[in-house]
Protein backbone atom coordinates (compact mmCIF):
# COMPACT_ATOMS: atom_id res chain seq x y z
CA MET A 1 28.06 -42.51 41.54
CA SER A 2 27.69 -45.00 38.80
CA PHE A 3 30.73 -45.83 36.38
CA ILE A 4 30.31 -46.46 32.57
CA ASP A 5 31.68 -49.76 31.15
CA PRO A 6 34.80 -48.92 29.09
CA ASN A 7 33.88 -51.63 26.56
CA ALA A 8 30.50 -50.26 25.92
CA LYS A 9 31.77 -47.73 23.36
CA SER A 10 33.51 -50.37 21.13
CA ARG A 11 30.42 -52.64 21.36
CA SER A 12 28.28 -49.83 20.24
CA ALA A 13 30.61 -48.94 17.41
CA ARG A 14 30.37 -52.56 16.21
CA ARG A 15 26.66 -52.62 16.52
CA ARG A 16 26.33 -49.39 14.47
CA SER A 17 28.64 -50.73 11.71
CA MET A 18 26.57 -53.97 11.53
CA ILE A 19 23.33 -52.04 11.36
CA GLY A 20 24.79 -49.78 8.61
CA TRP A 21 25.86 -52.83 6.62
CA LEU A 22 22.45 -54.52 6.93
CA ALA A 23 20.74 -51.21 5.90
CA ALA A 24 23.06 -50.91 2.89
CA VAL A 25 22.41 -54.65 1.86
CA ALA A 26 18.70 -54.09 2.28
CA ALA A 27 18.80 -51.02 0.05
CA GLY A 28 20.84 -52.93 -2.48
CA VAL A 29 18.37 -55.91 -2.53
CA LEU A 30 15.40 -53.68 -2.78
CA THR A 31 17.05 -51.77 -5.55
CA LEU A 32 17.80 -55.06 -7.37
CA ALA A 33 14.16 -56.12 -7.06
CA ALA A 34 12.95 -52.80 -8.47
CA VAL A 35 15.23 -53.09 -11.37
CA GLN A 36 14.21 -56.62 -12.05
CA ARG A 37 10.58 -55.59 -11.90
CA ASN A 38 11.17 -52.90 -14.31
CA ILE A 39 13.14 -55.24 -16.74
CA GLN A 40 10.22 -57.77 -16.54
CA PHE A 41 7.72 -55.08 -17.31
CA ASN A 42 9.63 -53.72 -20.18
CA GLU A 43 10.04 -57.24 -21.56
CA LEU A 44 6.34 -57.80 -21.31
CA GLU A 45 5.67 -54.55 -23.02
CA LYS A 46 8.01 -55.51 -25.88
CA GLU A 47 7.00 -58.99 -26.32
CA SER A 48 3.26 -57.89 -26.17
CA ALA A 49 3.78 -55.29 -28.87
CA GLU A 50 5.19 -57.95 -31.12
CA LEU A 51 2.45 -60.30 -30.45
CA HIS A 52 -0.05 -57.61 -31.14
CA ARG A 53 1.55 -56.89 -34.44
CA LEU A 54 1.58 -60.53 -35.45
CA ALA A 55 -2.05 -61.22 -34.28
CA SER A 56 -3.20 -58.10 -36.14
CA LEU A 57 -1.58 -59.47 -39.43
CA ARG A 58 -3.08 -62.84 -38.83
CA ALA A 59 -6.60 -61.16 -38.38
CA GLY A 60 -6.06 -59.40 -41.68
CA GLN A 61 -5.56 -62.75 -43.38
CA HIS A 62 -8.99 -63.83 -42.25
CA ASP A 63 -10.63 -61.06 -44.38
CA ALA A 64 -8.67 -62.19 -47.38
CA HIS A 65 -9.79 -65.86 -46.82
CA LEU A 66 -13.47 -64.63 -46.61
CA THR A 67 -13.05 -62.82 -49.88
CA ALA A 68 -11.59 -65.80 -51.69
CA LEU A 69 -14.20 -68.19 -50.39
CA SER A 70 -17.06 -65.71 -51.27
CA ALA A 71 -15.82 -65.64 -54.87
CA ILE A 72 -15.67 -69.42 -55.06
CA ALA A 73 -19.19 -69.79 -53.67
CA VAL A 74 -20.66 -67.25 -56.05
CA ALA A 75 -18.87 -68.70 -59.07
CA SER A 76 -19.92 -72.14 -58.45
CA ALA A 77 -23.52 -71.00 -57.75
CA GLY A 78 -23.81 -73.82 -55.42
CA LEU A 79 -23.17 -76.47 -58.06
CA ARG A 80 -19.66 -77.46 -56.99
CA PRO A 81 -19.78 -77.73 -53.09
CA ASP A 82 -16.74 -80.03 -53.37
CA LEU A 83 -14.64 -77.18 -54.90
CA PHE A 84 -15.61 -75.00 -51.91
CA LEU A 85 -14.82 -77.66 -49.42
CA ASP A 86 -11.44 -78.37 -51.05
CA VAL A 87 -10.42 -74.61 -50.64
CA ALA A 88 -11.71 -74.67 -47.05
CA ALA A 89 -9.59 -77.78 -46.34
CA THR A 90 -6.54 -76.15 -47.81
CA ILE A 91 -6.99 -73.02 -45.72
CA SER A 92 -7.45 -75.04 -42.52
CA ARG A 93 -4.28 -76.99 -43.32
CA PHE A 94 -2.09 -74.05 -43.80
CA TYR A 95 -3.85 -71.92 -41.09
CA PRO A 96 -4.58 -74.41 -38.30
CA ARG A 97 -6.26 -71.50 -36.31
CA ILE A 98 -9.05 -71.70 -38.75
CA ASP A 99 -10.51 -74.95 -37.88
CA GLU A 100 -14.04 -74.35 -39.14
CA VAL A 101 -15.50 -73.10 -42.54
CA GLN A 102 -19.20 -72.86 -43.18
CA LEU A 103 -21.40 -71.77 -46.14
CA VAL A 104 -24.93 -71.06 -45.15
CA PRO A 105 -27.61 -70.08 -47.80
CA LEU A 106 -29.62 -67.21 -46.76
CA ASP A 107 -32.64 -69.04 -48.30
CA LEU A 108 -34.11 -71.45 -45.62
CA SER A 109 -34.60 -74.05 -48.23
CA GLY A 110 -30.89 -74.60 -48.87
CA GLY A 111 -28.69 -76.62 -46.66
CA ALA A 112 -25.40 -75.51 -45.22
CA VAL A 113 -22.01 -76.71 -46.53
CA GLY A 114 -19.11 -76.86 -44.39
CA SER A 115 -15.96 -78.36 -42.93
CA GLU A 116 -18.19 -80.06 -40.22
CA PRO A 117 -21.90 -80.50 -39.51
CA LEU A 118 -23.50 -77.35 -38.27
CA PRO A 119 -26.07 -77.27 -35.49
CA PRO A 120 -29.44 -75.70 -36.52
CA ASP A 121 -29.21 -72.98 -33.76
CA THR A 122 -25.72 -72.05 -34.92
CA GLU A 123 -26.84 -72.06 -38.56
CA ALA A 124 -29.66 -69.80 -37.60
CA MET A 125 -27.36 -67.39 -35.79
CA ILE A 126 -24.98 -67.23 -38.71
CA ARG A 127 -27.88 -66.53 -41.19
CA ALA A 128 -29.18 -63.83 -38.98
CA THR A 129 -25.84 -61.93 -38.67
CA ALA A 130 -25.23 -62.14 -42.32
CA GLY A 131 -28.78 -60.74 -42.86
CA ARG A 132 -28.20 -57.66 -40.86
CA SER A 133 -24.68 -57.06 -42.09
CA THR A 134 -23.85 -53.59 -43.55
CA GLY A 135 -20.77 -54.80 -45.49
CA LEU A 136 -18.16 -55.40 -42.82
CA PRO A 137 -17.55 -58.89 -41.34
CA GLU A 138 -18.93 -59.30 -38.00
CA ILE A 139 -17.57 -61.37 -35.08
CA LEU A 140 -19.68 -63.66 -32.71
CA ALA A 141 -18.75 -65.76 -29.70
CA HIS A 142 -18.73 -69.35 -30.76
CA PRO A 143 -21.71 -70.88 -29.13
CA SER A 144 -20.01 -74.28 -28.29
CA ARG A 145 -16.27 -73.45 -28.22
CA LYS A 146 -15.19 -71.03 -25.44
CA GLU A 147 -11.77 -70.09 -26.89
CA HIS A 148 -13.24 -69.69 -30.44
CA TYR A 149 -15.01 -67.00 -32.30
CA LEU A 150 -17.05 -66.84 -35.46
CA LEU A 151 -16.20 -64.34 -38.26
CA VAL A 152 -19.26 -63.95 -40.48
CA LYS A 153 -19.74 -62.23 -43.95
CA ARG A 154 -22.31 -62.05 -46.41
CA SER A 155 -21.62 -63.22 -50.04
CA PRO A 156 -21.69 -61.43 -52.18
CA ASN A 157 -21.14 -58.37 -50.05
CA SER A 158 -24.12 -56.47 -51.27
CA SER A 159 -27.96 -56.30 -50.52
CA ASP A 160 -28.37 -59.07 -53.08
CA ALA A 161 -26.34 -61.59 -50.92
CA ILE A 162 -27.38 -65.24 -51.08
CA TYR A 163 -24.84 -66.77 -48.79
CA ALA A 164 -23.49 -66.37 -45.27
CA LEU A 165 -19.87 -67.29 -44.92
CA ALA A 166 -18.42 -68.17 -41.46
CA LEU A 167 -15.01 -68.94 -40.26
CA GLY A 168 -14.45 -70.58 -36.92
CA ILE A 169 -11.18 -69.17 -35.45
CA ASP A 170 -9.20 -70.55 -32.43
CA ALA A 171 -8.28 -67.42 -30.43
CA THR A 172 -5.43 -69.19 -28.57
CA GLN A 173 -3.72 -69.87 -31.88
CA LEU A 174 -4.35 -66.54 -33.18
CA VAL A 175 -2.17 -65.19 -30.24
CA GLY A 176 0.11 -68.27 -30.28
CA SER A 177 3.85 -67.49 -30.62
CA ASP A 178 7.05 -69.62 -30.93
CA ALA A 179 8.94 -67.06 -28.77
CA GLU A 180 10.48 -68.57 -25.73
CA PHE A 181 8.96 -65.69 -23.69
CA TRP A 182 5.33 -66.92 -24.15
CA SER A 183 6.27 -70.42 -23.04
CA LYS A 184 6.81 -69.43 -19.41
CA ASP A 185 3.95 -70.38 -17.00
CA SER A 186 4.06 -66.92 -15.57
CA VAL A 187 3.13 -65.21 -18.73
CA HIS A 188 -0.45 -65.21 -20.10
CA ALA A 189 -2.29 -63.75 -23.05
CA ARG A 190 -5.87 -63.73 -24.20
CA LEU A 191 -8.34 -61.99 -26.63
CA SER A 192 -11.64 -60.48 -25.69
CA LEU A 193 -14.49 -59.72 -27.99
CA PRO A 194 -15.38 -56.03 -28.42
CA GLU A 195 -18.47 -56.26 -26.01
CA GLY A 196 -15.99 -57.71 -23.29
CA ALA A 197 -16.55 -61.33 -23.44
CA GLY A 198 -13.32 -63.25 -22.89
CA LEU A 199 -11.98 -65.90 -25.24
CA GLY A 200 -10.57 -68.20 -22.73
CA SER A 201 -9.45 -67.69 -19.00
CA ALA A 202 -5.76 -67.46 -19.12
CA VAL A 203 -5.37 -64.09 -17.41
CA GLU A 204 -8.51 -64.15 -15.29
CA GLU A 205 -6.22 -64.66 -12.10
CA THR A 206 -4.10 -61.54 -12.70
CA PRO A 207 -4.91 -57.99 -13.88
CA ALA A 208 -3.96 -57.19 -17.53
CA GLN A 209 -0.63 -55.13 -17.72
CA PHE A 210 -0.87 -54.68 -21.52
CA ALA A 211 -4.10 -54.02 -23.37
CA LYS A 212 -4.66 -53.06 -26.99
CA PRO A 213 -7.24 -53.83 -29.72
CA LEU A 214 -5.96 -55.64 -32.82
CA GLU A 215 -5.47 -53.36 -35.71
CA SER A 216 -8.28 -54.98 -37.80
CA MET A 217 -11.48 -53.12 -38.88
CA SER A 218 -13.43 -56.48 -38.91
CA GLN A 219 -11.89 -57.98 -35.80
CA PRO A 220 -11.01 -55.27 -33.11
CA LEU A 221 -10.39 -57.97 -30.59
CA LEU A 222 -8.76 -56.79 -27.35
CA LEU A 223 -5.44 -58.39 -26.72
CA GLU A 224 -4.68 -58.57 -22.98
CA THR A 225 -1.27 -59.79 -21.51
CA SER A 226 0.08 -60.21 -17.92
CA ARG A 227 2.93 -61.52 -16.08
CA GLN A 228 2.93 -62.85 -12.57
CA THR A 229 5.79 -61.47 -10.51
CA ARG A 230 7.41 -64.09 -8.31
CA LEU A 231 10.03 -63.62 -5.55
CA ALA A 232 12.49 -65.82 -7.50
CA ASP A 233 12.19 -63.58 -10.52
CA LEU A 234 12.69 -60.30 -8.54
CA LEU A 235 15.56 -61.73 -6.60
CA PRO A 236 17.54 -64.27 -8.55
CA PRO A 237 19.89 -66.01 -6.05
CA THR A 238 23.05 -65.51 -8.17
CA GLN A 239 22.30 -61.78 -8.62
CA VAL A 240 21.49 -61.30 -5.03
CA ALA A 241 24.83 -62.78 -4.09
CA VAL A 242 26.62 -60.45 -6.47
CA VAL A 243 24.55 -57.46 -5.15
CA ILE A 244 25.52 -58.36 -1.39
CA LEU A 245 29.07 -58.75 -2.37
CA LEU A 246 29.22 -55.44 -4.37
CA VAL A 247 27.35 -53.57 -1.55
CA SER A 248 29.57 -55.10 1.22
CA LEU A 249 32.75 -54.12 -0.83
CA ILE A 250 31.42 -50.54 -1.45
CA TYR A 251 30.10 -50.16 2.09
CA TYR A 252 33.33 -51.32 3.72
CA SER A 253 35.59 -49.34 1.21
CA ALA A 254 33.56 -46.27 1.95
CA ARG A 255 33.71 -47.00 5.70
CA ALA A 256 37.46 -47.39 5.51
CA LEU A 257 37.82 -44.24 3.56
CA VAL A 258 35.63 -42.37 6.12
CA LEU A 259 37.63 -43.99 9.10
CA GLN A 260 40.84 -42.88 7.44
CA ARG A 261 39.62 -39.30 7.20
CA VAL A 262 38.50 -39.61 10.72
CA ARG A 263 41.92 -40.86 11.75
CA VAL A 264 43.60 -37.97 9.83
CA ARG A 265 41.31 -35.51 11.58
CA THR A 266 41.89 -37.27 14.95
CA ALA A 267 45.68 -37.13 14.44
CA GLU A 268 45.44 -33.46 13.63
CA HIS A 269 43.22 -32.89 16.65
CA GLU A 270 45.69 -34.85 18.76
CA ALA A 271 48.60 -32.78 17.52
CA GLU A 272 46.57 -29.72 18.64
CA MET A 273 45.87 -31.33 21.87
CA ARG A 274 49.51 -32.20 22.40
CA ARG A 275 50.33 -28.51 21.70
CA MET A 276 47.79 -27.38 24.27
CA GLU A 277 49.12 -30.07 26.66
CA ALA A 278 52.66 -28.85 26.26
CA GLN A 279 51.54 -25.32 27.01
CA LEU A 280 49.81 -26.57 30.15
CA THR A 281 52.84 -28.65 31.08
CA HIS A 282 55.06 -25.62 30.59
CA ALA A 283 52.85 -23.47 32.64
CA ALA A 284 52.67 -26.28 35.33
CA ARG A 285 56.50 -26.50 35.49
CA VAL A 286 56.81 -22.60 35.67
CA ASN A 287 54.34 -22.52 38.48
CA ALA A 288 55.99 -25.41 40.22
CA MET A 289 59.24 -23.51 39.93
CA GLY A 290 57.47 -20.63 41.47
CA GLU A 291 56.13 -22.81 44.38
CA MET A 292 59.70 -24.22 44.84
CA ALA A 293 61.37 -20.86 44.83
CA SER A 294 58.80 -19.39 47.18
CA GLY A 295 59.51 -22.31 49.48
CA MET A 296 63.22 -21.99 49.25
CA ALA A 297 62.96 -18.11 49.83
CA HIS A 298 60.70 -18.74 52.94
CA GLU A 299 63.17 -21.25 54.29
CA LEU A 300 66.25 -19.28 53.62
CA THR A 301 65.12 -15.78 54.64
CA GLN A 302 64.87 -16.59 58.25
CA PRO A 303 68.51 -17.86 58.81
CA LEU A 304 69.87 -15.07 56.63
CA THR A 305 67.98 -12.53 58.58
CA ALA A 306 69.40 -13.98 61.85
CA ILE A 307 72.98 -13.96 60.34
CA LEU A 308 72.48 -10.28 59.55
CA ALA A 309 71.26 -9.52 62.97
CA GLN A 310 74.18 -11.39 64.70
CA ALA A 311 76.69 -9.70 62.34
CA GLN A 312 75.36 -6.33 63.21
CA ALA A 313 75.48 -7.13 66.95
CA GLY A 314 79.05 -8.27 66.53
CA ARG A 315 80.05 -4.94 64.87
CA ARG A 316 78.58 -3.27 67.82
CA LEU A 317 80.48 -5.28 70.37
CA LEU A 318 83.72 -5.11 68.48
CA ALA A 319 83.24 -1.42 68.06
CA ARG A 320 83.81 -1.16 71.79
CA GLY A 321 87.29 -2.82 71.40
CA ASP A 322 88.20 -1.09 68.25
CA SER A 323 89.10 -4.19 66.47
CA GLU A 324 89.25 -3.11 62.79
CA ALA A 325 89.88 -6.52 61.36
CA VAL A 326 86.97 -8.09 63.01
CA ASP A 327 84.86 -5.01 62.14
CA ARG A 328 85.72 -5.21 58.42
CA ALA A 329 84.96 -9.03 58.50
CA LEU A 330 81.63 -8.66 60.33
CA ALA A 331 80.75 -5.78 57.91
CA ASP A 332 81.35 -8.15 54.89
CA ILE A 333 79.11 -10.75 56.57
CA GLY A 334 76.41 -8.26 56.96
CA SER A 335 76.81 -6.99 53.38
CA GLN A 336 76.76 -10.55 51.90
CA ALA A 337 73.63 -11.48 54.03
CA LYS A 338 71.83 -8.45 52.70
CA ARG A 339 72.85 -9.30 49.21
CA ALA A 340 71.71 -12.94 49.65
CA SER A 341 68.31 -11.79 51.08
CA ALA A 342 67.77 -9.37 48.20
CA ILE A 343 68.64 -12.05 45.56
CA LEU A 344 66.12 -14.50 47.25
CA GLU A 345 63.64 -11.89 47.41
CA ARG A 346 63.88 -11.22 43.71
CA LEU A 347 63.80 -14.95 43.04
CA ARG A 348 60.59 -15.23 45.07
CA ASN A 349 58.93 -12.29 43.13
CA TRP A 350 60.00 -13.81 39.81
CA SER A 351 58.91 -17.41 40.61
CA ARG A 352 55.33 -16.24 41.74
CA PRO A 353 52.94 -17.56 38.90
CA GLN A 354 51.90 -14.72 36.56
CA ARG A 355 48.12 -14.50 36.17
CA GLY A 356 46.31 -14.02 32.84
CA PRO A 357 43.52 -11.38 32.67
CA VAL A 358 40.85 -12.30 35.08
CA GLU A 359 37.44 -12.26 33.28
CA GLN A 360 34.10 -13.63 33.45
CA LYS A 361 34.44 -17.04 31.90
CA ASP A 362 32.06 -20.06 31.41
CA LEU A 363 33.71 -22.95 33.42
CA ARG A 364 32.22 -25.36 30.93
CA ILE A 365 34.77 -24.15 28.24
CA ALA A 366 37.69 -25.17 30.49
CA MET A 367 36.03 -28.46 31.17
CA ARG A 368 35.51 -29.28 27.44
CA ASN A 369 39.10 -28.21 26.66
CA VAL A 370 40.53 -30.50 29.35
CA GLU A 371 38.09 -33.39 28.18
CA ALA A 372 39.35 -33.05 24.60
CA LEU A 373 42.96 -32.86 25.77
CA LEU A 374 42.96 -35.88 28.08
CA GLY A 375 40.23 -37.97 26.27
CA SER A 376 42.61 -39.82 24.10
CA GLU A 377 45.18 -40.33 26.81
CA ALA A 378 42.44 -42.00 28.93
CA GLU A 379 41.74 -44.43 26.10
CA LYS A 380 45.50 -45.22 25.57
CA ARG A 381 45.61 -45.98 29.41
CA GLY A 382 42.65 -48.35 29.02
CA GLY A 383 40.42 -46.15 31.11
CA LEU A 384 37.34 -43.99 30.66
CA LEU A 385 37.12 -40.19 31.24
CA HIS A 386 33.52 -38.99 31.76
CA PHE A 387 32.43 -35.31 32.12
CA ASP A 388 29.06 -34.26 33.33
CA VAL A 389 28.74 -30.59 32.13
CA PRO A 390 25.68 -28.59 33.10
CA GLY A 391 23.40 -27.57 30.32
CA CYS A 392 23.47 -23.91 31.30
CA ALA A 393 26.35 -21.42 31.44
CA VAL A 394 28.64 -21.43 34.69
CA GLU A 395 30.04 -17.99 34.77
CA VAL A 396 33.14 -17.55 37.22
CA LEU A 397 35.71 -14.75 37.65
CA ALA A 398 38.90 -16.72 37.10
CA ASP A 399 41.75 -17.22 34.57
CA GLN A 400 40.61 -20.00 32.30
CA VAL A 401 44.11 -21.45 31.76
CA GLU A 402 44.59 -21.72 35.52
CA MET A 403 41.25 -23.70 35.89
CA GLU A 404 42.23 -25.97 33.06
CA GLN A 405 45.60 -26.47 34.78
CA VAL A 406 43.88 -27.43 37.99
CA LEU A 407 41.56 -29.96 36.33
CA HIS A 408 44.57 -31.26 34.28
CA ASN A 409 46.58 -31.93 37.40
CA LEU A 410 43.75 -33.61 39.24
CA ILE A 411 42.66 -35.83 36.37
CA ARG A 412 46.34 -36.86 35.54
CA ASN A 413 46.80 -37.70 39.15
CA ALA A 414 43.79 -39.88 39.09
CA PHE A 415 44.96 -41.88 36.00
CA GLU A 416 48.37 -42.30 37.57
CA ALA A 417 46.68 -43.78 40.63
CA LEU A 418 44.69 -46.06 38.22
CA GLU A 419 47.82 -47.33 36.52
CA GLY A 420 47.69 -51.17 36.04
CA GLN A 421 43.91 -51.37 37.18
CA ALA A 422 41.37 -52.67 34.63
CA GLY A 423 38.15 -50.73 34.21
CA GLY A 424 39.39 -47.48 35.62
CA VAL A 425 36.99 -44.62 35.41
CA VAL A 426 37.39 -40.89 36.22
CA ASN A 427 34.34 -38.77 36.44
CA VAL A 428 34.26 -35.00 36.46
CA VAL A 429 31.06 -33.58 37.56
CA ALA A 430 29.98 -29.96 37.84
CA SER A 431 26.86 -28.66 39.69
CA VAL A 432 25.56 -25.23 40.73
CA THR A 433 24.08 -24.66 44.15
CA LEU A 434 23.65 -21.52 46.41
CA GLY A 435 25.67 -19.10 44.39
CA ASN A 436 28.62 -21.55 44.10
CA VAL A 437 29.75 -24.11 41.47
CA ILE A 438 30.93 -27.38 42.88
CA LEU A 439 33.39 -29.17 40.77
CA GLU A 440 34.23 -32.80 41.73
CA VAL A 441 36.98 -35.12 40.28
CA VAL A 442 36.21 -38.74 41.30
CA ASP A 443 38.09 -41.97 40.40
CA ASN A 444 37.43 -45.70 41.24
CA GLY A 445 41.02 -46.31 42.10
CA PRO A 446 42.61 -47.58 45.45
CA GLY A 447 42.14 -44.02 47.13
CA ILE A 448 44.72 -42.15 49.29
CA ASP A 449 46.14 -43.59 52.36
CA GLU A 450 44.55 -42.02 55.49
CA ALA A 451 47.90 -41.16 56.99
CA LEU A 452 48.78 -38.97 53.92
CA ARG A 453 45.50 -37.10 53.79
CA PRO A 454 46.46 -34.28 56.33
CA GLY A 455 49.42 -33.16 54.16
CA LEU A 456 48.09 -33.62 50.69
CA PHE A 457 48.29 -29.85 49.86
CA THR A 458 51.72 -29.46 51.41
CA PRO A 459 54.50 -28.65 49.02
CA PHE A 460 56.97 -31.54 48.15
CA MET A 461 54.62 -34.23 49.68
CA THR A 462 54.41 -37.00 47.08
CA THR A 463 53.86 -40.79 46.94
CA ARG A 464 55.39 -41.28 43.51
CA GLU A 465 59.01 -42.14 43.00
CA ASN A 466 59.74 -39.33 40.45
CA GLY A 467 56.99 -36.78 41.84
CA THR A 468 57.81 -33.27 42.73
CA GLY A 469 55.05 -32.98 45.43
CA LEU A 470 54.08 -29.59 44.01
CA GLY A 471 50.85 -30.49 41.79
CA LEU A 472 48.25 -30.26 44.59
CA ALA A 473 49.95 -27.33 46.36
CA LEU A 474 49.84 -25.51 42.93
CA CYS A 475 46.19 -26.52 42.63
CA GLN A 476 45.31 -25.09 46.01
CA ARG A 477 47.03 -21.90 45.28
CA LEU A 478 45.38 -21.36 41.88
CA VAL A 479 41.81 -22.24 43.30
CA GLU A 480 42.25 -20.00 46.34
CA ARG A 481 43.40 -17.16 43.92
CA ALA A 482 40.04 -17.54 42.22
CA GLY A 483 38.32 -17.11 45.54
CA GLY A 484 37.54 -20.67 45.98
CA GLU A 485 38.73 -23.61 47.95
CA ILE A 486 39.78 -27.22 47.27
CA SER A 487 39.47 -30.19 49.57
CA TYR A 488 39.69 -33.97 49.62
CA GLN A 489 36.45 -35.65 50.37
CA GLU A 490 35.94 -39.01 52.16
CA THR A 491 34.53 -41.73 49.96
CA ALA A 492 33.98 -45.43 50.02
CA ILE A 493 35.76 -46.21 46.62
CA GLY A 494 38.54 -44.29 45.03
CA ALA A 495 39.40 -40.73 45.69
CA LYS A 496 37.30 -37.58 45.43
CA PHE A 497 38.65 -33.89 45.19
CA ARG A 498 36.10 -31.16 45.49
CA ILE A 499 36.59 -27.56 44.23
CA VAL A 500 34.16 -24.84 45.34
CA LEU A 501 34.13 -21.58 43.23
CA PRO A 502 31.92 -18.58 43.69
CA LEU A 503 29.75 -17.79 40.69
CA SER A 504 30.29 -14.47 38.85
CA GLY A 505 28.68 -11.80 40.91
CA GLN A 506 28.91 -13.36 44.11
CA PRO A 507 31.27 -12.08 47.09
CA ARG A 508 34.82 -13.49 46.60
CA GLU A 509 38.12 -13.13 48.37
CA ALA A 510 41.01 -14.17 46.16
CA ALA A 511 44.14 -15.52 47.81
CA GLN A 512 47.20 -13.58 46.82
């Protein structure tokens, strides 16, 4: 039979506590990451909305610039290109994102006027775009600058237009911002043309998390922003340390509260167990008194009976000599002997253990009650009490309290034998076979001296200094009264007591 390590329970408790703490910390860190991710997304949404508003206002300014330049071009009738170029330079100086201004005559005989030389193919593209215009400015991808686009408008804005006006606009400056948020290398913003062509490559690496067209009839460019989520952003070291500290504080505070409640319930349970133990102890003492009284009655009845017989014989002998004095004395001896015999008989009847109602009971209930009663005492003694209870009901015809008393006595004897021994274990095993239940109480102590084994169940036989020697005798009497038998079994280590009880419905002969 294997014995369980007494320290395994404490190691398992520490391991469960550590696993619980790690799980709580992991949950706290994951929650922090989720919160940080949500904060970053909300910040991106807020900043992107502000950037969208700002870029839309800037796009609206482009329409106003085109209108002003168109008025100057028509008023000068092509005679004052210097005036047009001065206004264009002023616009570029105050609005650096507009870094190119072009005035292209729709008549192929005229030359373009602008802030910089215009390639022929670009001039032809601007002229063709203005020629098909229906009134609103049109936007084109710049043929030579990837991050620029051209905003083209006819001048005057009618079917009699004679010029094509074009603004070259830097898209990166259109969405530029002085806000600290957009200076982070993990944050990106870009504009795309309505047909989908991107003006730059800032967010091509990450999917857009914010996308909205500018609020401009002439420039419905799509603003797209994104933010790369990094581990350091989700889990800032300082905040992680604070979370771990708070989670640890909450976890161990809650654990202390739970343990306190467990200790209170345990104390209440132990109080109940002590009450049950007191009842069992009282029952054991009453039964022990019964055994002692029975033994005394048995020992004293025989000499008293002999005194009575001799006194009666003396009366008969003295009757022949008519000795009245001797007769009265002998008569008094006989009377006192009868009285003593009657008193001892009444004592014997009174001291016989009184039985509770014998009913069909599940023996497992008695085993669990005793386990609950003696479990804490086993821990206090530094030992381990292990019960192997069958999974199915074990019905016997016996008094439950008496069966609990038998187990209580055997287990207490075992732990007293283990006193001072490290790693003491007591196993209580129940098994069912051939219409009987076999109940064994086994310990790994020093065992019982071979010379003492024949008289184990004899009243007043004890090896303890303050023992009464009635415990095993009482156990034997209670087991036999339930129709069973108890015996000591030879074992290589420790001591083993075996109880055999008939199952309910099996033939039984109770000892009276």
